[in-house]
PDB file of all heavy atoms in Angstrom:
ATOM      1  N   PRO A   1      88.356 -42.776  -9.670  1.00  0.00           N
ATOM      2  CA  PRO A   1      89.459 -42.064  -9.004  1.00  0.00           C
ATOM      3  C   PRO A   1      89.483 -42.387  -7.513  1.00  0.00           C
ATOM      4  O   PRO A   1      88.431 -42.525  -6.877  1.00  0.00           O
ATOM      5  CB  PRO A   1      89.122 -40.588  -9.231  1.00  0.00           C
ATOM      6  CG  PRO A   1      88.180 -40.577 -10.386  1.00  0.00           C
ATOM      7  CD  PRO A   1      87.418 -41.868 -10.317  1.00  0.00           C
ATOM      8  N   GLN A   2      90.684 -42.510  -6.982  1.00  0.00           N
ATOM      9  CA  GLN A   2      90.858 -42.831  -5.566  1.00  0.00           C
ATOM     10  C   GLN A   2      91.386 -41.611  -4.808  1.00  0.00           C
ATOM     11  O   GLN A   2      92.050 -40.746  -5.382  1.00  0.00           O
ATOM     12  CB  GLN A   2      91.843 -43.992  -5.409  1.00  0.00           C
ATOM     13  CG  GLN A   2      91.414 -45.260  -6.114  1.00  0.00           C
ATOM     14  CD  GLN A   2      90.112 -45.807  -5.576  1.00  0.00           C
ATOM     15  OE1 GLN A   2      89.984 -46.072  -4.384  1.00  0.00           O
ATOM     16  NE2 GLN A   2      89.119 -45.967  -6.446  1.00  0.00           N
ATOM     17  N   ALA A   3      91.103 -41.567  -3.524  1.00  0.00           N
ATOM     18  CA  ALA A   3      91.605 -40.492  -2.668  1.00  0.00           C
ATOM     19  C   ALA A   3      93.128 -40.571  -2.581  1.00  0.00           C
ATOM     20  O   ALA A   3      93.720 -41.643  -2.786  1.00  0.00           O
ATOM     21  CB  ALA A   3      90.994 -40.615  -1.274  1.00  0.00           C
ATOM     22  N   SER A   4      93.746 -39.462  -2.270  1.00  0.00           N
ATOM     23  CA  SER A   4      95.208 -39.427  -2.175  1.00  0.00           C
ATOM     24  C   SER A   4      95.728 -40.316  -1.051  1.00  0.00           C
ATOM     25  O   SER A   4      96.915 -40.636  -1.011  1.00  0.00           O
ATOM     26  CB  SER A   4      95.691 -37.997  -1.971  1.00  0.00           C
ATOM     27  OG  SER A   4      95.169 -37.474  -0.764  1.00  0.00           O
ATOM     28  N   THR A   5      94.845 -40.749  -0.158  1.00  0.00           N
ATOM     29  CA  THR A   5      95.247 -41.624   0.944  1.00  0.00           C
ATOM     30  C   THR A   5      95.165 -43.107   0.570  1.00  0.00           C
ATOM     31  O   THR A   5      95.490 -43.965   1.387  1.00  0.00           O
ATOM     32  CB  THR A   5      94.343 -41.375   2.172  1.00  0.00           C
ATOM     33  OG1 THR A   5      92.975 -41.573   1.780  1.00  0.00           O
ATOM     34  CG2 THR A   5      94.548 -39.964   2.705  1.00  0.00           C
ATOM     35  N   TRP A   6      94.751 -43.409  -0.673  1.00  0.00           N
ATOM     36  CA  TRP A   6      94.629 -44.789  -1.125  1.00  0.00           C
ATOM     37  C   TRP A   6      95.976 -45.494  -1.051  1.00  0.00           C
ATOM     38  O   TRP A   6      97.014 -44.928  -1.392  1.00  0.00           O
ATOM     39  CB  TRP A   6      94.114 -44.820  -2.562  1.00  0.00           C
ATOM     40  CG  TRP A   6      93.915 -46.197  -3.108  1.00  0.00           C
ATOM     41  CD1 TRP A   6      92.855 -47.012  -2.889  1.00  0.00           C
ATOM     42  CD2 TRP A   6      94.783 -46.914  -3.983  1.00  0.00           C
ATOM     43  NE1 TRP A   6      93.016 -48.204  -3.574  1.00  0.00           N
ATOM     44  CE2 TRP A   6      94.200 -48.164  -4.248  1.00  0.00           C
ATOM     45  CE3 TRP A   6      96.021 -46.617  -4.566  1.00  0.00           C
ATOM     46  CZ2 TRP A   6      94.785 -49.119  -5.064  1.00  0.00           C
ATOM     47  CZ3 TRP A   6      96.615 -47.566  -5.382  1.00  0.00           C
ATOM     48  CH2 TRP A   6      95.991 -48.803  -5.624  1.00  0.00           C
ATOM     49  N   GLU A   7      95.959 -46.725  -0.577  1.00  0.00           N
ATOM     50  CA  GLU A   7      97.182 -47.524  -0.465  1.00  0.00           C
ATOM     51  C   GLU A   7      97.171 -48.639  -1.504  1.00  0.00           C
ATOM     52  O   GLU A   7      96.172 -49.350  -1.633  1.00  0.00           O
ATOM     53  CB  GLU A   7      97.275 -48.159   0.928  1.00  0.00           C
ATOM     54  CG  GLU A   7      97.556 -47.166   2.033  1.00  0.00           C
ATOM     55  CD  GLU A   7      98.971 -46.621   1.973  1.00  0.00           C
ATOM     56  OE1 GLU A   7      99.881 -47.329   1.506  1.00  0.00           O
ATOM     57  OE2 GLU A   7      99.151 -45.467   2.402  1.00  0.00           O
ATOM     58  N   PRO A   8      98.263 -48.812  -2.251  1.00  0.00           N
ATOM     59  CA  PRO A   8      98.331 -49.883  -3.252  1.00  0.00           C
ATOM     60  C   PRO A   8      98.074 -51.269  -2.686  1.00  0.00           C
ATOM     61  O   PRO A   8      97.629 -52.149  -3.398  1.00  0.00           O
ATOM     62  CB  PRO A   8      99.750 -49.757  -3.800  1.00  0.00           C
ATOM     63  CG  PRO A   8     100.067 -48.309  -3.618  1.00  0.00           C
ATOM     64  CD  PRO A   8      99.423 -47.938  -2.304  1.00  0.00           C
ATOM     65  N   THR A   9      98.326 -51.464  -1.416  1.00  0.00           N
ATOM     66  CA  THR A   9      98.068 -52.776  -0.817  1.00  0.00           C
ATOM     67  C   THR A   9      96.570 -53.075  -0.750  1.00  0.00           C
ATOM     68  O   THR A   9      96.189 -54.202  -0.478  1.00  0.00           O
ATOM     69  CB  THR A   9      98.683 -52.858   0.592  1.00  0.00           C
ATOM     70  OG1 THR A   9      98.189 -51.763   1.376  1.00  0.00           O
ATOM     71  CG2 THR A   9     100.203 -52.800   0.524  1.00  0.00           C
ATOM     72  N   GLU A  10      95.719 -52.068  -1.015  1.00  0.00           N
ATOM     73  CA  GLU A  10      94.273 -52.261  -1.051  1.00  0.00           C
ATOM     74  C   GLU A  10      93.792 -52.812  -2.395  1.00  0.00           C
ATOM     75  O   GLU A  10      92.631 -53.167  -2.539  1.00  0.00           O
ATOM     76  CB  GLU A  10      93.559 -50.935  -0.782  1.00  0.00           C
ATOM     77  CG  GLU A  10      93.819 -50.351   0.583  1.00  0.00           C
ATOM     78  CD  GLU A  10      93.228 -48.956   0.757  1.00  0.00           C
ATOM     79  OE1 GLU A  10      92.344 -48.567  -0.039  1.00  0.00           O
ATOM     80  OE2 GLU A  10      93.641 -48.258   1.676  1.00  0.00           O
ATOM     81  N   ALA A  11      94.676 -52.872  -3.376  1.00  0.00           N
ATOM     82  CA  ALA A  11      94.293 -53.291  -4.725  1.00  0.00           C
ATOM     83  C   ALA A  11      93.992 -54.783  -4.769  1.00  0.00           C
ATOM     84  O   ALA A  11      94.726 -55.596  -4.210  1.00  0.00           O
ATOM     85  CB  ALA A  11      95.411 -52.972  -5.712  1.00  0.00           C
ATOM     86  N   HIS A  12      92.891 -55.137  -5.436  1.00  0.00           N
ATOM     87  CA  HIS A  12      92.583 -56.542  -5.691  1.00  0.00           C
ATOM     88  C   HIS A  12      93.404 -56.984  -6.897  1.00  0.00           C
ATOM     89  O   HIS A  12      93.649 -56.203  -7.817  1.00  0.00           O
ATOM     90  CB  HIS A  12      91.093 -56.727  -5.968  1.00  0.00           C
ATOM     91  CG  HIS A  12      90.251 -56.380  -4.785  1.00  0.00           C
ATOM     92  ND1 HIS A  12      90.136 -57.201  -3.690  1.00  0.00           N
ATOM     93  CD2 HIS A  12      89.502 -55.287  -4.511  1.00  0.00           C
ATOM     94  CE1 HIS A  12      89.354 -56.640  -2.794  1.00  0.00           C
ATOM     95  NE2 HIS A  12      88.957 -55.473  -3.268  1.00  0.00           N
ATOM     96  N   ALA A  13      93.800 -58.230  -6.923  1.00  0.00           N
ATOM     97  CA  ALA A  13      94.668 -58.744  -7.982  1.00  0.00           C
ATOM     98  C   ALA A  13      94.095 -58.526  -9.373  1.00  0.00           C
ATOM     99  O   ALA A  13      94.827 -58.237 -10.321  1.00  0.00           O
ATOM    100  CB  ALA A  13      94.963 -60.224  -7.758  1.00  0.00           C
ATOM    101  N   ASP A  14      92.769 -58.639  -9.516  1.00  0.00           N
ATOM    102  CA  ASP A  14      92.163 -58.528 -10.842  1.00  0.00           C
ATOM    103  C   ASP A  14      91.683 -57.112 -11.173  1.00  0.00           C
ATOM    104  O   ASP A  14      91.068 -56.886 -12.209  1.00  0.00           O
ATOM    105  CB  ASP A  14      91.014 -59.517 -10.994  1.00  0.00           C
ATOM    106  CG  ASP A  14      89.909 -59.297  -9.970  1.00  0.00           C
ATOM    107  OD1 ASP A  14      90.127 -58.564  -8.978  1.00  0.00           O
ATOM    108  OD2 ASP A  14      88.819 -59.862 -10.155  1.00  0.00           O
ATOM    109  N   ALA A  15      91.983 -56.149 -10.324  1.00  0.00           N
ATOM    110  CA  ALA A  15      91.580 -54.762 -10.578  1.00  0.00           C
ATOM    111  C   ALA A  15      92.419 -54.156 -11.694  1.00  0.00           C
ATOM    112  O   ALA A  15      93.576 -54.540 -11.908  1.00  0.00           O
ATOM    113  CB  ALA A  15      91.738 -53.933  -9.312  1.00  0.00           C
ATOM    114  N   GLU A  16      91.823 -53.204 -12.411  1.00  0.00           N
ATOM    115  CA  GLU A  16      92.563 -52.445 -13.414  1.00  0.00           C
ATOM    116  C   GLU A  16      92.990 -51.133 -12.757  1.00  0.00           C
ATOM    117  O   GLU A  16      92.153 -50.316 -12.383  1.00  0.00           O
ATOM    118  CB  GLU A  16      91.702 -52.159 -14.632  1.00  0.00           C
ATOM    119  CG  GLU A  16      92.458 -51.381 -15.698  1.00  0.00           C
ATOM    120  CD  GLU A  16      91.610 -51.099 -16.912  1.00  0.00           C
ATOM    121  OE1 GLU A  16      91.562 -51.954 -17.803  1.00  0.00           O
ATOM    122  OE2 GLU A  16      90.993 -50.009 -16.934  1.00  0.00           O
ATOM    123  N   ILE A  17      94.277 -50.965 -12.604  1.00  0.00           N
ATOM    124  CA  ILE A  17      94.842 -49.796 -11.934  1.00  0.00           C
ATOM    125  C   ILE A  17      95.416 -48.866 -12.991  1.00  0.00           C
ATOM    126  O   ILE A  17      96.206 -49.295 -13.845  1.00  0.00           O
ATOM    127  CB  ILE A  17      95.974 -50.199 -10.971  1.00  0.00           C
ATOM    128  CG1 ILE A  17      95.548 -51.341 -10.043  1.00  0.00           C
ATOM    129  CG2 ILE A  17      96.504 -48.989 -10.215  1.00  0.00           C
ATOM    130  CD1 ILE A  17      94.453 -51.022  -9.089  1.00  0.00           C
ATOM    131  N   THR A  18      95.038 -47.605 -12.935  1.00  0.00           N
ATOM    132  CA  THR A  18      95.622 -46.606 -13.827  1.00  0.00           C
ATOM    133  C   THR A  18      96.342 -45.580 -12.973  1.00  0.00           C
ATOM    134  O   THR A  18      95.742 -44.955 -12.095  1.00  0.00           O
ATOM    135  CB  THR A  18      94.554 -45.917 -14.689  1.00  0.00           C
ATOM    136  OG1 THR A  18      93.850 -46.922 -15.435  1.00  0.00           O
ATOM    137  CG2 THR A  18      95.184 -44.926 -15.655  1.00  0.00           C
ATOM    138  N   ILE A  19      97.634 -45.461 -13.222  1.00  0.00           N
ATOM    139  CA  ILE A  19      98.455 -44.467 -12.537  1.00  0.00           C
ATOM    140  C   ILE A  19      98.403 -43.193 -13.384  1.00  0.00           C
ATOM    141  O   ILE A  19      98.775 -43.208 -14.553  1.00  0.00           O
ATOM    142  CB  ILE A  19      99.919 -44.936 -12.390  1.00  0.00           C
ATOM    143  CG1 ILE A  19     100.012 -46.315 -11.736  1.00  0.00           C
ATOM    144  CG2 ILE A  19     100.749 -43.888 -11.659  1.00  0.00           C
ATOM    145  CD1 ILE A  19      99.607 -46.379 -10.306  1.00  0.00           C
ATOM    146  N   HIS A  20      97.945 -42.108 -12.778  1.00  0.00           N
ATOM    147  CA  HIS A  20      97.866 -40.817 -13.470  1.00  0.00           C
ATOM    148  C   HIS A  20      99.034 -39.920 -13.091  1.00  0.00           C
ATOM    149  O   HIS A  20      99.368 -38.998 -13.831  1.00  0.00           O
ATOM    150  CB  HIS A  20      96.558 -40.104 -13.130  1.00  0.00           C
ATOM    151  CG  HIS A  20      95.349 -40.914 -13.426  1.00  0.00           C
ATOM    152  ND1 HIS A  20      94.852 -41.080 -14.700  1.00  0.00           N
ATOM    153  CD2 HIS A  20      94.529 -41.622 -12.603  1.00  0.00           C
ATOM    154  CE1 HIS A  20      93.773 -41.850 -14.650  1.00  0.00           C
ATOM    155  NE2 HIS A  20      93.555 -42.195 -13.399  1.00  0.00           N
ATOM    156  N   GLY A  21      99.609 -40.153 -11.934  1.00  0.00           N
ATOM    157  CA  GLY A  21     100.707 -39.313 -11.478  1.00  0.00           C
ATOM    158  C   GLY A  21     101.266 -39.810 -10.168  1.00  0.00           C
ATOM    159  O   GLY A  21     100.724 -40.714  -9.539  1.00  0.00           O
ATOM    160  N   GLY A  22     102.345 -39.214  -9.778  1.00  0.00           N
ATOM    161  CA  GLY A  22     103.023 -39.570  -8.535  1.00  0.00           C
ATOM    162  C   GLY A  22     104.524 -39.528  -8.753  1.00  0.00           C
ATOM    163  O   GLY A  22     105.013 -39.773  -9.859  1.00  0.00           O
ATOM    164  N   TRP A  23     105.226 -39.197  -7.700  1.00  0.00           N
ATOM    165  CA  TRP A  23     106.682 -39.070  -7.746  1.00  0.00           C
ATOM    166  C   TRP A  23     107.296 -39.878  -6.622  1.00  0.00           C
ATOM    167  O   TRP A  23     106.753 -39.918  -5.520  1.00  0.00           O
ATOM    168  CB  TRP A  23     107.084 -37.606  -7.593  1.00  0.00           C
ATOM    169  CG  TRP A  23     106.456 -36.747  -8.627  1.00  0.00           C
ATOM    170  CD1 TRP A  23     105.265 -36.055  -8.515  1.00  0.00           C
ATOM    171  CD2 TRP A  23     106.928 -36.532  -9.940  1.00  0.00           C
ATOM    172  NE1 TRP A  23     104.986 -35.417  -9.690  1.00  0.00           N
ATOM    173  CE2 TRP A  23     105.999 -35.675 -10.589  1.00  0.00           C
ATOM    174  CE3 TRP A  23     108.043 -36.956 -10.649  1.00  0.00           C
ATOM    175  CZ2 TRP A  23     106.160 -35.260 -11.900  1.00  0.00           C
ATOM    176  CZ3 TRP A  23     108.203 -36.520 -11.945  1.00  0.00           C
ATOM    177  CH2 TRP A  23     107.276 -35.694 -12.555  1.00  0.00           C
ATOM    178  N   ILE A  24     108.419 -40.497  -6.895  1.00  0.00           N
ATOM    179  CA  ILE A  24     109.146 -41.211  -5.843  1.00  0.00           C
ATOM    180  C   ILE A  24     110.130 -40.226  -5.227  1.00  0.00           C
ATOM    181  O   ILE A  24     111.077 -39.788  -5.884  1.00  0.00           O
ATOM    182  CB  ILE A  24     109.871 -42.452  -6.394  1.00  0.00           C
ATOM    183  CG1 ILE A  24     108.844 -43.421  -6.984  1.00  0.00           C
ATOM    184  CG2 ILE A  24     110.683 -43.116  -5.284  1.00  0.00           C
ATOM    185  CD1 ILE A  24     109.437 -44.686  -7.545  1.00  0.00           C
ATOM    186  N   ALA A  25     109.872 -39.872  -3.992  1.00  0.00           N
ATOM    187  CA  ALA A  25     110.716 -38.916  -3.290  1.00  0.00           C
ATOM    188  C   ALA A  25     111.873 -39.634  -2.612  1.00  0.00           C
ATOM    189  O   ALA A  25     111.701 -40.724  -2.067  1.00  0.00           O
ATOM    190  CB  ALA A  25     109.891 -38.148  -2.260  1.00  0.00           C
ATOM    191  N   ASN A  26     113.030 -39.024  -2.677  1.00  0.00           N
ATOM    192  CA  ASN A  26     114.238 -39.524  -2.018  1.00  0.00           C
ATOM    193  C   ASN A  26     114.791 -40.771  -2.696  1.00  0.00           C
ATOM    194  O   ASN A  26     115.424 -41.592  -2.063  1.00  0.00           O
ATOM    195  CB  ASN A  26     113.970 -39.788  -0.535  1.00  0.00           C
ATOM    196  CG  ASN A  26     115.228 -39.651   0.287  1.00  0.00           C
ATOM    197  OD1 ASN A  26     116.195 -39.047  -0.166  1.00  0.00           O
ATOM    198  ND2 ASN A  26     115.224 -40.194   1.476  1.00  0.00           N
ATOM    199  N   ASN A  27     114.561 -40.916  -3.992  1.00  0.00           N
ATOM    200  CA  ASN A  27     115.052 -42.082  -4.725  1.00  0.00           C
ATOM    201  C   ASN A  27     116.517 -41.894  -5.102  1.00  0.00           C
ATOM    202  O   ASN A  27     116.900 -40.848  -5.604  1.00  0.00           O
ATOM    203  CB  ASN A  27     114.227 -42.281  -5.995  1.00  0.00           C
ATOM    204  CG  ASN A  27     114.704 -43.477  -6.783  1.00  0.00           C
ATOM    205  OD1 ASN A  27     115.647 -43.378  -7.531  1.00  0.00           O
ATOM    206  ND2 ASN A  27     114.063 -44.598  -6.589  1.00  0.00           N
ATOM    207  N   THR A  28     117.309 -42.903  -4.858  1.00  0.00           N
ATOM    208  CA  THR A  28     118.713 -42.869  -5.246  1.00  0.00           C
ATOM    209  C   THR A  28     119.126 -44.190  -5.897  1.00  0.00           C
ATOM    210  O   THR A  28     120.242 -44.640  -5.746  1.00  0.00           O
ATOM    211  CB  THR A  28     119.629 -42.608  -4.026  1.00  0.00           C
ATOM    212  OG1 THR A  28     119.382 -43.613  -3.043  1.00  0.00           O
ATOM    213  CG2 THR A  28     119.397 -41.238  -3.435  1.00  0.00           C
ATOM    214  N   LEU A  29     118.205 -44.814  -6.608  1.00  0.00           N
ATOM    215  CA  LEU A  29     118.473 -46.143  -7.151  1.00  0.00           C
ATOM    216  C   LEU A  29     118.980 -46.124  -8.590  1.00  0.00           C
ATOM    217  O   LEU A  29     118.878 -47.112  -9.290  1.00  0.00           O
ATOM    218  CB  LEU A  29     117.208 -47.004  -7.057  1.00  0.00           C
ATOM    219  CG  LEU A  29     116.827 -47.386  -5.636  1.00  0.00           C
ATOM    220  CD1 LEU A  29     115.493 -48.113  -5.641  1.00  0.00           C
ATOM    221  CD2 LEU A  29     117.890 -48.254  -5.013  1.00  0.00           C
ATOM    222  N   GLY A  30     119.482 -45.013  -9.030  1.00  0.00           N
ATOM    223  CA  GLY A  30     120.068 -44.989 -10.362  1.00  0.00           C
ATOM    224  C   GLY A  30     119.164 -44.429 -11.438  1.00  0.00           C
ATOM    225  O   GLY A  30     119.567 -44.340 -12.587  1.00  0.00           O
ATOM    226  N   ILE A  31     117.929 -44.081 -11.110  1.00  0.00           N
ATOM    227  CA  ILE A  31     117.102 -43.401 -12.087  1.00  0.00           C
ATOM    228  C   ILE A  31     117.642 -41.990 -12.184  1.00  0.00           C
ATOM    229  O   ILE A  31     117.951 -41.361 -11.182  1.00  0.00           O
ATOM    230  CB  ILE A  31     115.613 -43.431 -11.685  1.00  0.00           C
ATOM    231  CG1 ILE A  31     115.131 -44.890 -11.640  1.00  0.00           C
ATOM    232  CG2 ILE A  31     114.767 -42.619 -12.650  1.00  0.00           C
ATOM    233  CD1 ILE A  31     113.704 -45.066 -11.185  1.00  0.00           C
ATOM    234  N   GLU A  32     117.781 -41.503 -13.391  1.00  0.00           N
ATOM    235  CA  GLU A  32     118.546 -40.300 -13.643  1.00  0.00           C
ATOM    236  C   GLU A  32     118.033 -39.055 -12.925  1.00  0.00           C
ATOM    237  O   GLU A  32     118.796 -38.151 -12.640  1.00  0.00           O
ATOM    238  CB  GLU A  32     118.626 -40.025 -15.146  1.00  0.00           C
ATOM    239  CG  GLU A  32     119.490 -41.027 -15.903  1.00  0.00           C
ATOM    240  CD  GLU A  32     118.866 -42.419 -16.043  1.00  0.00           C
ATOM    241  OE1 GLU A  32     117.623 -42.530 -16.068  1.00  0.00           O
ATOM    242  OE2 GLU A  32     119.632 -43.394 -16.088  1.00  0.00           O
ATOM    243  N   THR A  33     116.748 -38.990 -12.652  1.00  0.00           N
ATOM    244  CA  THR A  33     116.213 -37.812 -11.984  1.00  0.00           C
ATOM    245  C   THR A  33     116.128 -38.052 -10.488  1.00  0.00           C
ATOM    246  O   THR A  33     115.982 -39.189 -10.031  1.00  0.00           O
ATOM    247  CB  THR A  33     114.810 -37.466 -12.526  1.00  0.00           C
ATOM    248  OG1 THR A  33     113.945 -38.568 -12.300  1.00  0.00           O
ATOM    249  CG2 THR A  33     114.862 -37.126 -13.998  1.00  0.00           C
ATOM    250  N   GLU A  34     116.195 -36.992  -9.732  1.00  0.00           N
ATOM    251  CA  GLU A  34     116.139 -37.106  -8.275  1.00  0.00           C
ATOM    252  C   GLU A  34     114.754 -37.546  -7.802  1.00  0.00           C
ATOM    253  O   GLU A  34     114.621 -38.252  -6.824  1.00  0.00           O
ATOM    254  CB  GLU A  34     116.485 -35.760  -7.651  1.00  0.00           C
ATOM    255  CG  GLU A  34     116.572 -35.802  -6.144  1.00  0.00           C
ATOM    256  CD  GLU A  34     117.020 -34.474  -5.568  1.00  0.00           C
ATOM    257  OE1 GLU A  34     117.900 -33.848  -6.180  1.00  0.00           O
ATOM    258  OE2 GLU A  34     116.478 -34.085  -4.527  1.00  0.00           O
ATOM    259  N   ARG A  35     113.727 -37.100  -8.507  1.00  0.00           N
ATOM    260  CA  ARG A  35     112.341 -37.459  -8.171  1.00  0.00           C
ATOM    261  C   ARG A  35     111.689 -38.099  -9.391  1.00  0.00           C
ATOM    262  O   ARG A  35     110.885 -37.473 -10.056  1.00  0.00           O
ATOM    263  CB  ARG A  35     111.559 -36.215  -7.751  1.00  0.00           C
ATOM    264  CG  ARG A  35     111.917 -35.690  -6.397  1.00  0.00           C
ATOM    265  CD  ARG A  35     111.174 -34.397  -6.085  1.00  0.00           C
ATOM    266  NE  ARG A  35     109.778 -34.446  -6.438  1.00  0.00           N
ATOM    267  CZ  ARG A  35     108.763 -34.575  -5.575  1.00  0.00           C
ATOM    268  NH1 ARG A  35     109.018 -34.664  -4.299  1.00  0.00           N
ATOM    269  NH2 ARG A  35     107.518 -34.590  -5.969  1.00  0.00           N
ATOM    270  N   PRO A  36     112.011 -39.361  -9.677  1.00  0.00           N
ATOM    271  CA  PRO A  36     111.420 -39.994 -10.860  1.00  0.00           C
ATOM    272  C   PRO A  36     109.916 -40.172 -10.684  1.00  0.00           C
ATOM    273  O   PRO A  36     109.425 -40.328  -9.565  1.00  0.00           O
ATOM    274  CB  PRO A  36     112.120 -41.341 -10.936  1.00  0.00           C
ATOM    275  CG  PRO A  36     112.534 -41.622  -9.533  1.00  0.00           C
ATOM    276  CD  PRO A  36     112.853 -40.286  -8.925  1.00  0.00           C
ATOM    277  N   SER A  37     109.211 -40.141 -11.791  1.00  0.00           N
ATOM    278  CA  SER A  37     107.775 -40.380 -11.715  1.00  0.00           C
ATOM    279  C   SER A  37     107.530 -41.847 -11.379  1.00  0.00           C
ATOM    280  O   SER A  37     108.349 -42.724 -11.682  1.00  0.00           O
ATOM    281  CB  SER A  37     107.092 -40.019 -13.032  1.00  0.00           C
ATOM    282  OG  SER A  37     107.372 -40.991 -14.014  1.00  0.00           O
ATOM    283  N   LEU A  38     106.396 -42.096 -10.762  1.00  0.00           N
ATOM    284  CA  LEU A  38     106.010 -43.471 -10.445  1.00  0.00           C
ATOM    285  C   LEU A  38     105.857 -44.271 -11.735  1.00  0.00           C
ATOM    286  O   LEU A  38     106.250 -45.438 -11.803  1.00  0.00           O
ATOM    287  CB  LEU A  38     104.715 -43.480  -9.639  1.00  0.00           C
ATOM    288  CG  LEU A  38     104.182 -44.833  -9.200  1.00  0.00           C
ATOM    289  CD1 LEU A  38     105.222 -45.595  -8.379  1.00  0.00           C
ATOM    290  CD2 LEU A  38     102.896 -44.657  -8.406  1.00  0.00           C
ATOM    291  N   ILE A  39     105.339 -43.635 -12.776  1.00  0.00           N
ATOM    292  CA  ILE A  39     105.190 -44.298 -14.072  1.00  0.00           C
ATOM    293  C   ILE A  39     106.550 -44.705 -14.612  1.00  0.00           C
ATOM    294  O   ILE A  39     106.732 -45.831 -15.089  1.00  0.00           O
ATOM    295  CB  ILE A  39     104.428 -43.393 -15.054  1.00  0.00           C
ATOM    296  CG1 ILE A  39     102.971 -43.239 -14.583  1.00  0.00           C
ATOM    297  CG2 ILE A  39     104.504 -43.934 -16.483  1.00  0.00           C
ATOM    298  CD1 ILE A  39     102.172 -42.192 -15.322  1.00  0.00           C
TER     299      ILE A  39
END
């Protein structure tokens, strides 16, 4: 598990990343919900 301050740009190319949660705030790109999940 990573701290909430972890930045995706810190990821190594061969790392296995598991997204457990997260919301995209202020999204208006056509996803039906105002706050779509990162997943």
